[in-house]
Amino acid sequence: MCHPVSAANRYDPRLRFRSITTPRFNIYFHHGEEAIGRRLAAIVEEVADRLKRQIGTANGRVHVILVGHNDLSN
């Protein structure tokens, strides 16, 4: 899958990303944010278990990018 070039400058190029893999999710976080990445991994798995009956399971893996940027709008 190709992504547009505009996606290349969405995050600061100095950030070095790492990932945590859970049974259903890939959590991407930048260097120095491992503790919050691990916390998020536990939370999303717990929430996915709780909501499985109501919303079903995801079709494939869910990718979550954890970045704290104050200058990006929603």
Foldseek 3Di string as FASTA:
>chain_A
DDDDPVVVVPDDPVWDWDWDDDPAEIEIETPPCVVVSVVVVVVVVVVCVVCCVPPNGDDGHYYHYDDDDPPDDD
